[in-house]
Structures are given as C-alpha cells and as structure tokens.
Protein backbone atom coordinates (compact mmCIF):
# COMPACT_ATOMS: atom_id res chain seq x y z
CA MET A 1 -8.63 -6.06 -1.69
CA GLY A 2 -7.65 -5.03 -5.22
CA GLN A 3 -11.02 -6.05 -6.62
CA ALA A 4 -12.86 -4.19 -3.89
CA GLY A 5 -10.84 -1.03 -4.55
CA LEU A 6 -11.48 -1.38 -8.23
CA SER A 7 -15.23 -1.83 -7.64
CA ALA A 8 -15.35 1.40 -5.53
CA VAL A 9 -13.62 3.30 -8.38
CA ASN A 10 -15.95 1.75 -10.95
CA LEU A 11 -18.99 2.76 -8.92
CA VAL A 12 -17.75 6.33 -8.61
CA ILE A 13 -17.12 6.65 -12.33
CA GLU A 14 -20.47 5.17 -13.23
CA ASP A 15 -22.20 7.78 -10.98
CA LEU A 16 -20.12 10.50 -12.66
CA GLU A 17 -21.14 9.24 -16.09
CA ALA A 18 -24.76 9.02 -15.21
CA LYS A 19 -24.76 12.35 -13.19
CA ARG A 20 -26.34 10.64 -10.14
CA ASN A 21 -25.37 9.46 -6.75
CA SER A 22 -26.93 5.98 -6.48
CA SER A 23 -23.87 4.00 -5.26
CA SER A 24 -23.05 5.73 -2.00
CA GLN A 25 -24.19 2.87 0.22
CA MET A 26 -22.39 0.26 -1.88
CA ILE A 27 -19.17 2.34 -1.83
CA ALA A 28 -19.59 2.86 2.00
CA ASN A 29 -19.85 -1.01 2.35
CA ILE A 30 -16.71 -1.58 0.12
CA GLU A 31 -14.76 1.13 2.07
CA LYS A 32 -15.72 -0.67 5.31
CA GLU A 33 -14.56 -3.95 3.92
CA LEU A 34 -11.24 -2.39 2.73
CA ASP A 35 -10.74 -0.90 6.16
CA GLU A 36 -11.30 -4.29 7.90
CA ASN A 37 -9.13 -6.22 5.35
CA GLN A 38 -6.25 -3.75 5.74
CA LYS A 39 -6.25 -3.92 9.54
CA SER A 40 -6.37 -7.83 9.34
CA LEU A 41 -3.57 -7.88 6.87
CA ASP A 42 -1.40 -5.54 9.01
CA TYR A 43 -2.10 -7.70 12.01
CA TYR A 44 -1.06 -10.94 10.11
CA CYS A 45 2.00 -9.37 8.46
CA PHE A 46 3.28 -8.02 11.77
CA ASP A 47 2.61 -11.40 13.36
CA LEU A 48 4.56 -13.16 10.61
CA LEU A 49 7.46 -10.69 11.01
CA ASN A 50 7.44 -11.30 14.81
CA LYS A 51 7.20 -15.14 14.74
CA TYR A 52 9.57 -16.00 11.88
CA LYS A 53 13.01 -14.94 10.90
CA VAL A 54 12.44 -13.49 7.53
CA SER A 55 15.24 -12.58 5.06
CA ASN A 56 15.65 -8.86 3.97
CA GLU A 57 14.07 -9.82 0.65
CA GLN A 58 11.10 -11.35 2.31
CA GLY A 59 10.77 -8.43 4.72
CA LYS A 60 10.84 -6.06 1.76
CA LYS A 61 8.05 -7.93 0.11
CA ILE A 62 5.95 -8.00 3.22
CA PHE A 63 6.27 -4.34 3.70
CA GLY A 64 5.60 -3.61 0.02
CA PHE A 65 2.39 -5.76 0.35
CA MET A 66 1.37 -3.80 3.41
CA LYS A 67 1.94 -0.46 1.67
CA ASN A 68 -0.19 -1.65 -1.22
CA ALA A 69 -2.95 -2.69 1.11
CA GLU A 70 -2.88 0.73 2.70
CA SER A 71 -3.02 2.31 -0.73
CA LEU A 72 -6.15 0.29 -1.55
CA GLU A 73 -7.70 1.19 1.72
CA ARG A 74 -6.93 4.97 0.94
CA ILE A 75 -8.57 4.50 -2.50
CA GLY A 76 -11.68 3.27 -0.74
CA ASP A 77 -11.71 6.33 1.53
CA ILE A 78 -11.31 8.64 -1.39
CA CYS A 79 -14.12 7.00 -3.27
CA LEU A 80 -16.36 7.48 -0.30
CA GLY A 81 -15.20 11.10 -0.13
CA ILE A 82 -16.19 11.46 -3.83
CA SER A 83 -19.55 9.84 -3.29
CA ASN A 84 -20.25 12.19 -0.28
CA LYS A 85 -19.43 15.17 -2.55
CA PHE A 86 -22.18 14.06 -4.89
CA HIS A 87 -24.77 14.81 -2.18
CA ASN A 88 -23.72 18.40 -2.23
CA ILE A 89 -24.04 19.03 -5.93
CA LYS A 90 -27.29 20.73 -6.74
CA THR A 91 -27.00 20.64 -10.58
CA TYR A 92 -25.12 18.18 -12.62
CA SER A 93 -23.83 20.37 -15.44
CA GLU A 94 -21.99 18.96 -18.36
CA PHE A 95 -18.52 18.40 -17.30
CA GLU A 96 -17.03 16.05 -19.79
CA GLU A 97 -13.50 16.64 -18.71
CA LEU A 98 -14.31 15.34 -15.18
CA ILE A 99 -15.82 12.13 -16.87
CA ASN A 100 -12.80 11.80 -19.17
CA LEU A 101 -10.47 12.08 -16.19
CA GLY A 102 -12.50 9.46 -14.28
CA GLN A 103 -12.47 7.02 -17.21
CA TYR A 104 -8.76 7.39 -17.55
CA ILE A 105 -8.25 6.83 -13.81
CA LYS A 106 -10.45 3.73 -14.09
CA ILE A 107 -8.22 2.27 -16.84
CA ILE A 108 -5.07 3.04 -14.73
CA MET A 109 -6.72 1.46 -11.64
CA THR A 110 -7.62 -1.63 -13.67
CA ASN A 111 -3.98 -1.89 -14.93
CA SER A 112 -2.79 -1.53 -11.36
CA ILE A 113 -4.88 -4.37 -10.10
CA ILE A 114 -3.92 -6.66 -12.99
CA PHE A 115 -0.30 -5.69 -12.42
CA LEU A 116 -0.71 -6.48 -8.62
CA LYS A 117 -2.35 -9.86 -9.36
CA GLU A 118 -0.18 -11.08 -12.16
CA ASN A 119 3.01 -9.08 -11.87
CA ASN A 120 2.57 -8.25 -15.48
CA ILE A 121 5.42 -5.95 -16.18
CA ASN A 122 4.08 -5.09 -19.65
CA LEU A 123 1.29 -3.12 -18.12
CA THR A 124 1.98 0.43 -16.98
CA VAL A 125 0.16 2.82 -14.84
CA LYS A 126 2.41 5.70 -15.60
CA ASP A 127 0.73 8.74 -17.19
CA ASP A 128 3.35 8.92 -20.08
CA LYS A 129 1.17 10.99 -22.33
CA GLY A 130 0.41 13.67 -19.60
CA MET A 131 -3.39 13.03 -19.79
CA ILE A 132 -3.89 13.56 -16.18
CA LYS A 133 -2.43 17.05 -16.34
CA LYS A 134 -4.33 17.81 -19.52
CA TYR A 135 -7.63 16.75 -17.98
CA SER A 136 -6.86 18.64 -14.79
CA ASP A 137 -5.99 21.83 -16.66
CA ASP A 138 -9.06 21.49 -18.85
CA ILE A 139 -11.23 21.09 -15.63
CA ASN A 140 -9.61 24.08 -14.03
CA LEU A 141 -10.03 26.29 -17.10
CA LYS A 142 -13.56 25.30 -17.67
CA SER A 143 -14.32 25.78 -13.93
CA ILE A 144 -12.90 29.39 -14.01
CA GLU A 145 -14.90 30.24 -17.19
CA LYS A 146 -18.06 28.74 -15.67
CA MET A 147 -17.76 30.50 -12.39
CA LYS A 148 -17.12 33.78 -14.21
CA SER A 149 -20.19 33.49 -16.38
CA ASP A 150 -22.54 32.08 -13.68
CA LYS A 151 -21.76 33.03 -10.05
CA SER A 152 -24.62 30.76 -8.79
CA SER A 153 -22.59 27.78 -10.14
CA ILE A 154 -19.54 28.40 -7.92
CA PRO A 155 -20.52 25.89 -5.18
CA ASP A 156 -21.11 23.03 -7.61
CA ILE A 157 -18.08 23.83 -9.64
CA LEU A 158 -15.87 23.78 -6.56
CA PHE A 159 -17.32 20.26 -5.86
CA TYR A 160 -16.36 19.25 -9.36
CA VAL A 161 -12.86 20.55 -8.88
CA THR A 162 -12.52 18.82 -5.48
CA ILE A 163 -13.69 15.52 -7.18
CA SER A 164 -11.01 15.94 -9.84
CA LYS A 165 -8.38 16.32 -7.16
CA TYR A 166 -9.64 13.16 -5.39
CA LEU A 167 -9.37 11.35 -8.72
CA ILE A 168 -5.84 12.48 -9.13
CA LYS A 169 -5.06 11.18 -5.58
CA ILE A 170 -6.33 7.81 -6.73
CA TYR A 171 -3.88 7.93 -9.67
CA LYS A 172 -1.04 8.71 -7.38
CA LEU A 173 -1.94 5.82 -5.15
CA CYS A 174 -2.02 3.51 -8.17
CA LEU A 175 1.33 4.74 -9.11
CA SER A 176 2.65 4.10 -5.71
CA MET A 177 1.43 0.48 -5.78
CA TYR A 178 3.00 0.06 -9.23
CA GLU A 179 6.35 1.43 -7.90
CA ASN A 180 6.17 -0.73 -4.79
CA ILE A 181 5.64 -3.82 -6.94
CA ASN A 182 8.59 -2.91 -9.32
CA TYR A 183 10.75 -2.47 -6.25
CA TYR A 184 10.20 -5.95 -4.84
CA ILE A 185 9.88 -7.96 -8.03
C-alpha cells in the first residue's frame, strides 16, 4: 500500500511539474487499488482480533497498522482530488511555489514509506524548518497578488490554492503515520 500511495503522489507531482494532466487514469486506478487493499486489510485485522487473544501490545500494533492503511487510502483519495482539479484549470501559469511544495511533500512521503517499511528512526517526516508554512504563505501571497492584477485568473488561482491545501493534507497524513509508528515501536 505504501508504494501505491507514493506512486500516486509522484504522479501528481510529475503532472504539476509538467503543467499537464496526463496521469488521472493511473491515479484513479491506484486509488481504487488502495481502497480495495484498505478494506481487505481491515477485514483481516478485525478477523485476527476476533479469532485470537492478542496482547495489548499486539492490539496496539494492529490498530496502528490499520490507521496507517487508512492514511494511505486517504492519500490516494487526495491525489485523485488533485488530479480532478487539473481538469478545471484553463491556464497553467507559472506557480513555482506550488511545485516546490509538491516536491517537498514528495520527499516527506518517500521518507514516510521508508520509515513504515524499515522502521528507520533516523528518518523524520516532521517539517522542522517550517517549509510547509513558508510555501503555503508564498502561495497565498502570490495568489492574492495575481488575482488583484488579473481578475480573469481567479478561477485558476483558486484551484492552485485548493491543490496546495490538498498537498498539506498529504503532509499531515504522513506525519500521522510517522507518529503511529513511533507510538508502537
């Protein structure tokens, strides 16, 4: 599931960088796969909890695993939402801050998946340098300036702002997965 979630994020960022929307069907397929995997995982985990007497520690790990699967499934939903927003953008103006935010989120997502897979506590997904806030503030300021100077750009700019908020949601889900793992390691 982690690799599928990461693939969806990578496809979204590639589309942002190239100012195109060529990956929407692949993202939709990944999102469907994530949905199915999460439902199967929930079924198996609840079955495990019902059939076997598990210790508190084991139960904590199972629920942490389920929460992380849910976060990955949500990341797939968000990527599909971003991809769908691309259809509404009429002009792909230069929006370097959005690309920077996307690339930063991609690094954090990669670290999250490595952390999930290897329990590598040397990796962090926390935004210690405040880059997410900086990119978000830059996007908001540039959006306001652009909308003031060109009223016809307002619909597209609002889509860019929405996409930036979706990317920040992905970061928050990555942080949640990281905290879940730290909790049960």
